[in-house]
N, C-alpha and C. Protein backbone atom coordinates (compact mmCIF):
# COMPACT_ATOMS: atom_id res chain seq x y z
N UNK A 1 100.30 41.88 104.20
CA UNK A 1 99.43 41.40 105.15
C UNK A 1 98.21 42.32 104.84
N UNK A 2 96.75 42.55 104.83
CA UNK A 2 96.39 43.60 105.23
C UNK A 2 96.20 43.65 106.62
N UNK A 3 96.84 44.44 107.27
CA UNK A 3 97.04 44.30 109.36
C UNK A 3 95.74 44.57 109.76
N UNK A 4 94.50 45.45 109.26
CA UNK A 4 93.97 46.56 109.83
C UNK A 4 92.45 45.92 109.50
N UNK A 5 91.95 45.34 108.31
CA UNK A 5 91.52 43.90 107.58
C UNK A 5 91.37 43.01 108.79
N UNK A 6 92.30 42.05 108.44
CA UNK A 6 92.59 41.17 109.45
C UNK A 6 91.73 41.30 111.19
N UNK A 7 92.60 42.25 111.41
CA UNK A 7 92.65 43.23 112.82
C UNK A 7 90.90 42.10 112.81
N UNK A 8 90.24 43.56 112.03
CA UNK A 8 89.38 43.59 112.28
C UNK A 8 88.25 42.38 112.12
N UNK A 9 88.32 41.47 110.79
CA UNK A 9 87.67 40.82 110.91
C UNK A 9 88.08 39.46 112.67
N UNK A 10 89.13 39.50 112.77
CA UNK A 10 89.51 38.36 113.62
C UNK A 10 88.56 39.07 115.29
N UNK A 11 89.03 40.14 115.48
CA UNK A 11 88.24 40.55 116.52
C UNK A 11 87.29 40.66 117.03
N UNK A 12 86.35 40.85 115.76
CA UNK A 12 85.32 39.78 115.90
C UNK A 12 84.44 38.85 115.95
N UNK A 13 84.99 37.83 115.04
CA UNK A 13 84.61 36.71 115.53
C UNK A 13 85.03 36.67 116.33
N UNK A 14 86.01 37.53 117.11
CA UNK A 14 86.41 36.81 118.62
C UNK A 14 84.87 37.86 119.95
N UNK A 15 85.08 38.27 118.95
CA UNK A 15 83.96 38.77 119.65
C UNK A 15 82.31 37.77 120.11
N UNK A 16 82.04 37.72 118.50
CA UNK A 16 80.93 37.13 118.87
C UNK A 16 81.15 35.87 119.54
N UNK A 17 81.70 35.33 119.29
CA UNK A 17 81.76 34.02 120.29
C UNK A 17 82.36 34.42 121.53
N UNK A 18 82.35 35.57 121.97
CA UNK A 18 81.99 35.85 123.52
C UNK A 18 83.74 35.51 124.08
N UNK A 19 84.92 35.94 123.13
CA UNK A 19 86.46 35.40 123.78
C UNK A 19 87.23 36.42 123.82
N UNK A 20 87.51 36.49 125.70
CA UNK A 20 87.66 37.71 126.20
C UNK A 20 89.44 37.23 125.06
N UNK A 21 89.23 38.51 124.50
CA UNK A 21 90.79 39.22 124.12
C UNK A 21 91.12 40.34 123.72
N UNK A 22 93.18 40.82 123.81
CA UNK A 22 92.82 41.77 123.46
C UNK A 22 94.69 41.92 122.57
N UNK A 23 94.84 43.32 122.05
CA UNK A 23 95.61 43.52 120.86
C UNK A 23 97.53 43.29 122.30
N UNK A 24 98.04 42.52 121.61
CA UNK A 24 100.15 42.77 122.13
C UNK A 24 100.68 43.03 120.82
N UNK A 25 101.79 42.74 121.20
CA UNK A 25 103.06 43.02 120.00
C UNK A 25 102.99 43.83 118.98
N UNK A 26 103.68 43.92 118.52
CA UNK A 26 103.92 45.08 117.65
C UNK A 26 102.92 46.14 117.45
N UNK A 27 101.59 46.17 116.92
CA UNK A 27 100.26 46.77 117.03
C UNK A 27 100.50 47.71 118.25
N UNK A 28 100.18 47.17 119.45
CA UNK A 28 100.19 47.85 120.66
C UNK A 28 101.05 48.37 120.83
N UNK A 29 102.83 47.79 120.73
CA UNK A 29 103.58 49.29 120.68
C UNK A 29 102.80 50.78 119.76
N UNK A 30 102.61 50.76 119.40
CA UNK A 30 101.71 51.73 117.98
C UNK A 30 100.68 52.58 119.29
N UNK A 31 100.23 51.62 119.48
CA UNK A 31 98.88 52.64 120.17
C UNK A 31 99.54 53.62 121.51
N UNK A 32 100.84 52.91 122.18
CA UNK A 32 101.15 53.43 122.78
C UNK A 32 102.92 54.19 122.56
N UNK A 33 103.20 54.71 121.76
CA UNK A 33 103.71 55.78 121.21
C UNK A 33 104.76 54.98 120.88
N UNK A 34 104.58 54.04 120.64
CA UNK A 34 106.23 53.12 120.12
C UNK A 34 105.66 52.86 118.52
N UNK A 35 106.51 52.72 117.23
CA UNK A 35 106.57 52.61 116.78
C UNK A 35 107.37 51.05 115.71
N UNK A 36 107.41 50.27 115.34
CA UNK A 36 107.70 49.43 115.31
C UNK A 36 107.75 48.85 114.19
N UNK A 37 107.95 48.44 112.73
CA UNK A 37 107.53 47.56 111.65
C UNK A 37 106.99 45.97 111.96
N UNK A 38 106.03 46.09 111.53
CA UNK A 38 105.66 44.99 112.14
C UNK A 38 104.90 43.89 110.99
N UNK A 39 104.46 42.52 110.82
CA UNK A 39 103.90 41.66 109.88
C UNK A 39 103.63 40.52 109.97
N UNK A 40 103.38 40.37 111.53
CA UNK A 40 102.29 39.57 112.29
C UNK A 40 100.78 40.51 112.87
N UNK A 41 100.04 39.92 113.13
CA UNK A 41 98.99 39.60 114.34
C UNK A 41 99.74 38.99 115.66
N UNK A 42 99.47 40.34 116.75
CA UNK A 42 100.00 39.66 117.88
C UNK A 42 98.23 39.45 119.65
N UNK A 43 97.23 38.49 119.87
CA UNK A 43 96.96 39.02 120.40
C UNK A 43 96.61 37.95 121.81
N UNK A 44 96.16 38.19 123.12
CA UNK A 44 96.15 37.67 124.44
C UNK A 44 94.81 37.31 124.49
N UNK A 45 94.52 35.91 124.32
CA UNK A 45 93.31 35.47 124.55
C UNK A 45 93.10 34.88 126.02
N UNK A 46 91.94 34.43 126.33
CA UNK A 46 91.07 33.41 127.20
C UNK A 46 91.58 32.08 127.14
N UNK A 47 92.84 31.67 127.65
CA UNK A 47 93.45 30.41 127.18
C UNK A 47 92.29 29.23 127.07
N UNK A 48 91.42 29.08 128.18
CA UNK A 48 90.45 28.18 128.34
C UNK A 48 88.54 28.17 127.36
N UNK A 49 89.76 29.14 125.96
CA UNK A 49 88.40 29.43 125.51
C UNK A 49 90.05 29.26 123.67
N UNK A 50 91.21 28.00 124.08
CA UNK A 50 91.84 27.77 123.10
C UNK A 50 91.05 26.08 121.91
N UNK A 51 90.33 25.81 121.71
CA UNK A 51 89.47 25.09 121.30
C UNK A 51 89.06 26.46 119.86
N UNK A 52 88.02 27.01 121.05
CA UNK A 52 87.65 27.61 119.65
C UNK A 52 88.16 28.49 119.46
N UNK A 53 89.51 29.17 119.67
CA UNK A 53 90.14 30.30 118.44
C UNK A 53 90.86 29.42 118.03
N UNK A 54 90.49 27.81 117.78
CA UNK A 54 91.60 27.54 116.07
C UNK A 54 90.38 27.05 115.40
N UNK A 55 88.88 27.02 115.79
CA UNK A 55 88.31 26.04 115.26
C UNK A 55 88.03 27.79 114.51
N UNK A 56 87.84 28.69 114.76
CA UNK A 56 87.08 29.38 114.62
C UNK A 56 89.14 30.36 113.12
N UNK A 57 90.08 30.14 113.60
CA UNK A 57 91.31 30.24 113.05
C UNK A 57 91.30 29.66 111.63
N UNK A 58 90.96 28.94 111.16
CA UNK A 58 90.63 27.71 110.50
C UNK A 58 89.95 27.97 110.07
N UNK A 59 88.42 28.25 110.59
CA UNK A 59 87.13 28.70 109.33
C UNK A 59 87.29 29.80 108.45
N UNK A 60 88.13 31.09 109.30
CA UNK A 60 88.80 31.83 108.25
C UNK A 60 90.14 31.63 107.25
N UNK A 61 90.64 30.16 107.05
CA UNK A 61 91.37 30.32 106.30
C UNK A 61 92.90 30.04 106.54
N UNK A 62 92.65 29.91 107.39
CA UNK A 62 94.40 29.87 108.43
C UNK A 62 94.75 28.56 108.85
N UNK A 63 95.72 28.15 109.14
CA UNK A 63 96.44 27.14 108.97
C UNK A 63 97.56 27.14 109.88
N UNK A 64 97.24 25.90 111.13
CA UNK A 64 98.53 26.04 112.62
C UNK A 64 99.26 25.55 111.85
N UNK A 65 100.46 26.31 112.35
CA UNK A 65 101.73 26.04 112.30
C UNK A 65 102.15 25.35 113.56
N UNK A 66 101.55 25.74 114.64
CA UNK A 66 101.95 25.23 115.73
C UNK A 66 101.48 25.38 117.07
N UNK A 67 100.71 24.45 117.93
CA UNK A 67 100.23 25.41 119.46
C UNK A 67 100.38 24.48 119.85
N UNK A 68 100.83 24.79 121.31
CA UNK A 68 100.80 24.13 122.88
C UNK A 68 99.28 24.52 123.89
N UNK A 69 99.18 24.93 125.12
CA UNK A 69 98.61 24.95 125.96
C UNK A 69 99.08 26.60 126.39
N UNK A 70 99.82 27.16 125.14
CA UNK A 70 100.49 28.47 126.16
C UNK A 70 100.00 29.39 124.77
N UNK A 71 100.31 28.80 123.55
CA UNK A 71 100.72 29.45 122.22
C UNK A 71 100.05 29.13 121.00
N UNK A 72 99.02 30.07 120.03
CA UNK A 72 99.33 28.96 119.00
C UNK A 72 99.43 30.18 117.76
N UNK A 73 100.06 30.10 116.83
CA UNK A 73 100.88 30.46 115.91
C UNK A 73 99.11 30.34 114.23
N UNK A 74 99.80 30.87 113.69
CA UNK A 74 98.36 30.85 112.81
C UNK A 74 98.88 31.69 111.19
N UNK A 75 98.78 30.26 110.56
CA UNK A 75 99.67 31.14 109.13
C UNK A 75 98.30 31.04 107.30
N UNK A 76 98.09 32.08 107.20
CA UNK A 76 97.62 31.59 105.58
C UNK A 76 98.48 31.52 104.47
N UNK A 77 97.85 30.72 103.33
CA UNK A 77 98.11 30.93 102.11
C UNK A 77 97.86 32.02 101.38
N UNK A 78 96.47 33.34 101.67
CA UNK A 78 96.53 33.87 101.00
C UNK A 78 97.37 35.05 101.66
N UNK A 79 98.23 35.91 101.14
CA UNK A 79 98.46 37.32 101.88
C UNK A 79 98.96 38.05 102.56
N UNK A 80 97.06 37.93 101.96
CA UNK A 80 96.33 39.57 102.82
C UNK A 80 96.18 38.51 103.73
N UNK A 81 96.69 37.64 104.24
CA UNK A 81 95.75 37.35 105.39
C UNK A 81 96.79 37.07 106.56
N UNK A 82 98.01 36.57 106.00
CA UNK A 82 99.24 36.64 106.67
C UNK A 82 98.79 35.77 107.91
N UNK A 83 99.91 36.05 109.25
CA UNK A 83 100.32 35.35 109.90
C UNK A 83 98.85 36.03 111.83
N UNK A 84 99.16 34.84 111.90
CA UNK A 84 98.37 35.84 113.40
C UNK A 84 99.05 34.30 114.27
N UNK A 85 99.42 34.92 116.08
CA UNK A 85 99.33 34.45 116.61
C UNK A 85 98.61 34.71 117.94
N UNK A 86 98.64 33.90 118.25
CA UNK A 86 97.29 33.92 120.15
C UNK A 86 98.59 33.67 121.36
N UNK A 87 98.76 34.57 122.79
CA UNK A 87 98.87 33.80 123.41
C UNK A 87 97.95 33.63 124.18
N UNK A 88 97.92 32.39 124.88
CA UNK A 88 97.04 32.34 125.52
C UNK A 88 97.45 32.08 127.38
N UNK A 89 96.17 32.93 128.15
CA UNK A 89 96.31 33.22 129.21
C UNK A 89 95.86 32.31 130.03
N UNK A 90 95.51 31.93 131.33
CA UNK A 90 95.57 30.50 132.15
C UNK A 90 96.15 31.19 133.36
N UNK A 91 96.84 32.43 134.27
CA UNK A 91 97.41 32.31 135.38
C UNK A 91 96.95 33.93 135.73
N UNK A 92 97.36 34.74 136.87
CA UNK A 92 96.22 34.86 136.97
C UNK A 92 97.17 36.96 136.38
N UNK A 93 98.47 36.42 136.22
CA UNK A 93 98.80 37.76 135.60
C UNK A 93 98.12 37.94 134.58
N UNK A 94 97.57 36.68 132.93
CA UNK A 94 97.39 37.50 131.90
C UNK A 94 96.21 37.45 132.38
N UNK A 95 95.22 37.23 132.62
CA UNK A 95 94.19 36.99 133.30
C UNK A 95 93.63 39.20 133.76
N UNK A 96 94.69 38.91 134.43
CA UNK A 96 94.66 40.48 134.81
C UNK A 96 94.40 41.14 133.51
N UNK A 97 96.55 40.92 132.90
CA UNK A 97 96.13 42.28 130.97
C UNK A 97 94.85 42.26 130.90
N UNK A 98 94.46 41.05 130.84
CA UNK A 98 92.68 41.02 129.38
C UNK A 98 92.21 41.71 130.10
N UNK A 99 91.62 41.86 132.13
CA UNK A 99 91.43 42.86 132.87
C UNK A 99 91.09 43.65 132.40
N UNK A 100 93.01 44.79 132.94
CA UNK A 100 93.09 46.02 132.42
C UNK A 100 93.01 47.17 130.97
N UNK A 101 93.35 45.47 129.88
CA UNK A 101 92.76 46.05 128.97
C UNK A 101 92.26 46.88 128.12
N UNK A 102 92.06 48.90 127.62
CA UNK A 102 91.21 48.91 127.66
C UNK A 102 91.09 49.29 125.30
N UNK A 103 89.67 49.60 125.19
CA UNK A 103 90.29 49.93 123.92
C UNK A 103 91.44 51.60 123.21
N UNK A 104 91.43 51.67 122.34
CA UNK A 104 92.53 52.65 122.06
C UNK A 104 91.29 53.48 121.60
N UNK A 105 91.46 54.35 122.08
CA UNK A 105 90.93 56.44 120.72
C UNK A 105 90.80 55.75 119.96
N UNK A 106 91.80 55.94 119.30
CA UNK A 106 92.58 56.31 117.57
C UNK A 106 92.07 55.21 117.40
N UNK A 107 91.92 53.66 117.36
CA UNK A 107 91.20 52.50 116.70
C UNK A 107 89.70 52.61 116.53
N UNK A 108 89.16 52.83 116.00
CA UNK A 108 87.73 52.62 115.47
C UNK A 108 87.21 51.14 114.96
N UNK A 109 86.17 51.24 114.46
CA UNK A 109 85.52 49.76 114.12
C UNK A 109 85.69 48.48 114.90
N UNK A 110 85.81 47.35 114.68
CA UNK A 110 85.34 46.26 115.38
C UNK A 110 86.84 45.70 116.12
N UNK A 111 87.80 46.86 116.45
CA UNK A 111 89.35 46.09 116.99
C UNK A 111 89.21 45.98 118.27
N UNK A 112 90.39 45.22 118.52
CA UNK A 112 90.13 44.92 120.07
C UNK A 112 90.69 45.98 121.32
N UNK A 113 90.52 45.28 122.55
CA UNK A 113 90.77 46.13 123.21
C UNK A 113 92.57 45.96 123.04
N UNK A 114 93.08 46.93 124.17
CA UNK A 114 94.79 47.41 124.06
C UNK A 114 95.87 46.23 125.70
N UNK A 115 96.01 45.83 125.99
CA UNK A 115 96.77 45.84 127.36
C UNK A 115 97.92 47.59 126.66
N UNK A 116 97.92 47.73 128.51
CA UNK A 116 98.23 48.71 128.84
C UNK A 116 100.33 48.55 128.97
N UNK A 117 100.69 49.62 128.90
CA UNK A 117 102.72 49.87 128.67
C UNK A 117 102.60 49.00 129.76
N UNK A 118 102.22 48.25 130.88
CA UNK A 118 102.82 47.20 132.09
C UNK A 118 102.72 46.91 131.44
N UNK A 119 101.60 45.98 131.04
CA UNK A 119 101.46 44.65 130.69
C UNK A 119 102.41 44.67 129.96
N UNK A 120 102.17 45.01 128.18
CA UNK A 120 103.25 44.55 127.12
C UNK A 120 104.36 44.78 127.88
N UNK A 121 105.05 45.98 128.52
CA UNK A 121 106.30 45.28 129.23
C UNK A 121 106.80 43.86 129.64
N UNK A 122 105.00 44.16 130.58
CA UNK A 122 105.69 42.38 130.43
C UNK A 122 106.23 41.49 130.04
N UNK A 123 105.37 41.12 129.16
CA UNK A 123 105.27 40.19 127.93
C UNK A 123 106.59 40.41 127.55
N UNK A 124 107.15 41.61 127.40
CA UNK A 124 108.47 42.05 126.19
C UNK A 124 108.98 40.56 127.22
N UNK A 125 109.73 41.88 128.76
CA UNK A 125 109.93 40.51 129.98
C UNK A 125 109.88 38.87 130.09
N UNK A 126 108.50 38.99 129.51
CA UNK A 126 108.75 37.07 129.09
C UNK A 126 109.30 36.22 128.29
N UNK A 127 109.12 36.69 126.58
CA UNK A 127 109.29 37.09 126.03
C UNK A 127 110.77 36.32 125.55
N UNK A 128 111.56 37.53 126.43
CA UNK A 128 113.40 37.48 126.21
C UNK A 128 113.55 36.36 127.10
N UNK A 129 112.80 36.47 128.24
CA UNK A 129 113.55 35.36 129.00
C UNK A 129 112.85 34.13 128.21
N UNK A 130 112.32 33.71 127.76
CA UNK A 130 112.23 32.67 127.35
C UNK A 130 112.82 31.96 125.55
N UNK A 131 112.91 33.28 125.12
CA UNK A 131 114.25 33.41 123.92
C UNK A 131 115.14 34.26 124.27
N UNK A 132 116.28 33.71 124.44
CA UNK A 132 117.12 34.86 124.77
C UNK A 132 117.34 35.64 123.26
N UNK A 133 117.06 35.12 121.89
CA UNK A 133 117.31 35.81 120.63
C UNK A 133 116.04 37.11 119.99
N UNK A 134 116.10 37.30 121.38
CA UNK A 134 114.72 38.30 120.69
C UNK A 134 115.26 39.39 121.93
N UNK A 135 116.39 39.35 123.01
CA UNK A 135 116.57 40.41 124.28
C UNK A 135 117.00 41.69 123.76
N UNK A 136 117.06 41.97 122.54
CA UNK A 136 117.86 43.21 122.51
C UNK A 136 116.93 43.84 121.64
N UNK A 137 115.89 43.28 120.56
CA UNK A 137 115.15 43.60 120.46
C UNK A 137 114.13 44.72 121.70
N UNK A 138 113.53 42.94 122.25
CA UNK A 138 112.60 43.37 123.55
C UNK A 138 112.50 44.47 123.77
N UNK A 139 113.63 45.10 124.51
CA UNK A 139 114.63 46.04 125.64
C UNK A 139 115.03 46.86 124.93
N UNK A 140 114.57 46.88 123.39
CA UNK A 140 114.47 48.77 122.89
C UNK A 140 113.21 49.06 123.70
N UNK A 141 112.12 48.33 123.01
CA UNK A 141 110.83 48.23 122.77
C UNK A 141 110.60 48.88 123.67
N UNK A 142 110.65 48.24 124.65
CA UNK A 142 111.40 47.87 125.95
C UNK A 142 111.13 49.06 126.55
N UNK A 143 112.99 50.33 126.69
CA UNK A 143 112.62 51.39 126.63
C UNK A 143 111.88 52.58 125.76
N UNK A 144 112.35 52.46 124.22
CA UNK A 144 111.35 53.11 123.72
C UNK A 144 109.85 53.45 125.02
N UNK A 145 108.88 51.86 125.39
CA UNK A 145 107.48 52.55 126.11
C UNK A 145 107.61 53.00 127.41
N UNK A 146 109.77 53.30 127.91
CA UNK A 146 109.13 53.66 129.05
C UNK A 146 108.98 55.13 128.98
N UNK A 147 109.90 55.44 127.54
CA UNK A 147 110.03 56.70 126.95
C UNK A 147 109.14 57.60 127.45
N UNK A 148 108.32 56.74 126.69
CA UNK A 148 106.99 57.17 125.81
C UNK A 148 105.40 57.05 126.07
N UNK A 149 104.96 55.84 127.09
CA UNK A 149 103.73 55.72 128.07
C UNK A 149 103.55 56.63 128.67
N UNK A 150 102.42 57.15 128.27
CA UNK A 150 101.74 58.54 129.10
C UNK A 150 101.08 57.78 130.64
N UNK A 151 100.55 56.77 130.59
CA UNK A 151 100.26 55.99 132.13
C UNK A 151 101.02 54.93 131.78
N UNK A 152 101.78 54.20 132.71
CA UNK A 152 102.76 53.89 133.12
C UNK A 152 102.01 53.11 134.62
N UNK A 153 102.28 52.14 134.57
CA UNK A 153 102.10 51.59 136.31
C UNK A 153 104.11 51.12 136.78
N UNK A 154 104.59 51.90 136.94
CA UNK A 154 106.22 51.39 137.06
C UNK A 154 106.19 50.93 137.94
N UNK A 155 105.11 50.53 139.51
CA UNK A 155 105.74 49.13 140.42
C UNK A 155 104.64 48.06 139.75
N UNK A 156 103.89 47.95 138.86
CA UNK A 156 103.51 46.84 138.26
C UNK A 156 105.40 46.78 137.27
N UNK A 157 105.24 47.12 135.98
CA UNK A 157 106.61 47.09 135.58
C UNK A 157 107.85 45.78 135.93
N UNK A 158 107.75 46.97 137.45
CA UNK A 158 109.14 46.28 138.72
C UNK A 158 108.55 44.80 138.85
N UNK A 159 107.86 44.60 139.42
CA UNK A 159 106.71 43.15 139.68
C UNK A 159 107.48 42.12 138.60
N UNK A 160 107.37 42.57 136.64
CA UNK A 160 107.40 41.70 135.84
C UNK A 160 108.62 41.17 136.01
N UNK A 161 109.47 42.26 135.64
CA UNK A 161 110.93 42.07 135.53
C UNK A 161 111.45 41.65 137.11
N UNK A 162 110.71 41.60 138.93
CA UNK A 162 111.65 40.88 139.39
C UNK A 162 111.59 39.02 139.21
N UNK A 163 110.01 39.05 138.68
CA UNK A 163 109.82 37.46 138.14
C UNK A 163 110.33 36.83 137.67
N UNK A 164 111.28 37.40 136.45
CA UNK A 164 112.27 36.46 135.81
C UNK A 164 113.82 37.21 136.51
N UNK A 165 113.12 37.51 138.24
CA UNK A 165 115.04 37.90 138.29
C UNK A 165 115.64 38.82 136.95
N UNK A 166 114.92 39.76 136.59
CA UNK A 166 115.86 40.90 135.54
C UNK A 166 115.87 41.72 136.25
N UNK A 167 115.92 42.06 137.32
CA UNK A 167 115.69 43.45 137.65
C UNK A 167 117.01 44.84 138.41
N UNK A 168 117.70 44.24 137.75
CA UNK A 168 118.83 45.45 137.30
C UNK A 168 118.53 46.04 136.17
N UNK A 169 118.18 44.61 135.00
CA UNK A 169 117.79 45.20 133.94
C UNK A 169 117.37 45.94 133.83
N UNK A 170 116.08 46.79 134.63
CA UNK A 170 115.10 47.55 134.62
C UNK A 170 115.87 49.11 134.80
N UNK A 171 116.25 48.70 135.97
CA UNK A 171 117.38 49.64 137.07
C UNK A 171 118.47 50.64 135.49
N UNK A 172 119.42 49.01 134.36
CA UNK A 172 119.78 49.97 134.01
C UNK A 172 119.43 50.74 132.33
N UNK A 173 118.45 50.33 133.01
CA UNK A 173 116.67 50.87 131.64
C UNK A 173 117.09 52.35 131.60
N UNK A 174 116.52 52.86 133.43
CA UNK A 174 116.14 53.69 133.51
C UNK A 174 117.39 54.75 133.50
N UNK A 175 118.07 54.32 134.97
CA UNK A 175 119.61 54.93 134.35
C UNK A 175 120.23 55.48 133.66
N UNK A 176 119.74 54.80 132.70
CA UNK A 176 119.93 55.71 130.61
C UNK A 176 118.67 56.62 129.75
N UNK A 177 117.04 56.23 130.28
CA UNK A 177 116.70 57.37 130.62
C UNK A 177 116.81 58.71 130.54
N UNK A 178 117.54 58.37 132.17
CA UNK A 178 117.25 59.85 133.00
C UNK A 178 118.36 60.27 132.28
N UNK A 179 119.83 59.51 132.16
CA UNK A 179 121.11 60.70 131.55
C UNK A 179 120.71 60.69 130.30
N UNK A 180 120.05 59.82 129.46
CA UNK A 180 120.32 60.16 127.97
C UNK A 180 120.37 62.09 127.60
N UNK A 181 120.61 62.27 126.77
CA UNK A 181 120.24 64.13 126.42
C UNK A 181 119.82 64.15 125.77
N UNK A 182 118.81 64.93 125.26
CA UNK A 182 117.32 65.30 124.50
C UNK A 182 117.94 65.55 122.82
């Protein structure tokens, strides 16, 4: 998959359709100083525009693999296009994530804004709460974000852990970070 090229094209199409969106997932991690291999694109989009996202994705050569009111997964037979996953936001927390998303100065071109580190952590907590098989990788990503994010709203991070009744996991991570030997 040609991540940069695909991201440019999808973001441009979403902007032209005036669909609010932001980068999440593995590529968003990298903008916050956490490098991890990724093989797909993950975007947070305005959930009220899910029909338009579907139309745009299909017009770009993607087939819908799975779609609900909350998520949609698309893949192309063309290996250059790869896979794109959309998380549809319809509630206050998700809409807040979109409103706080900012451009990454290191990314030029038609690239989307990126969710901030605290919101990316919130998405990780939600992901492994919904799918426990993701727990180890998501907790590792969260720890690395806690260590490397330049600006981090720790109170918002605490709120996300509280929503999923996982406050002790955050305290354990913070303790581990404090006691790590450099």
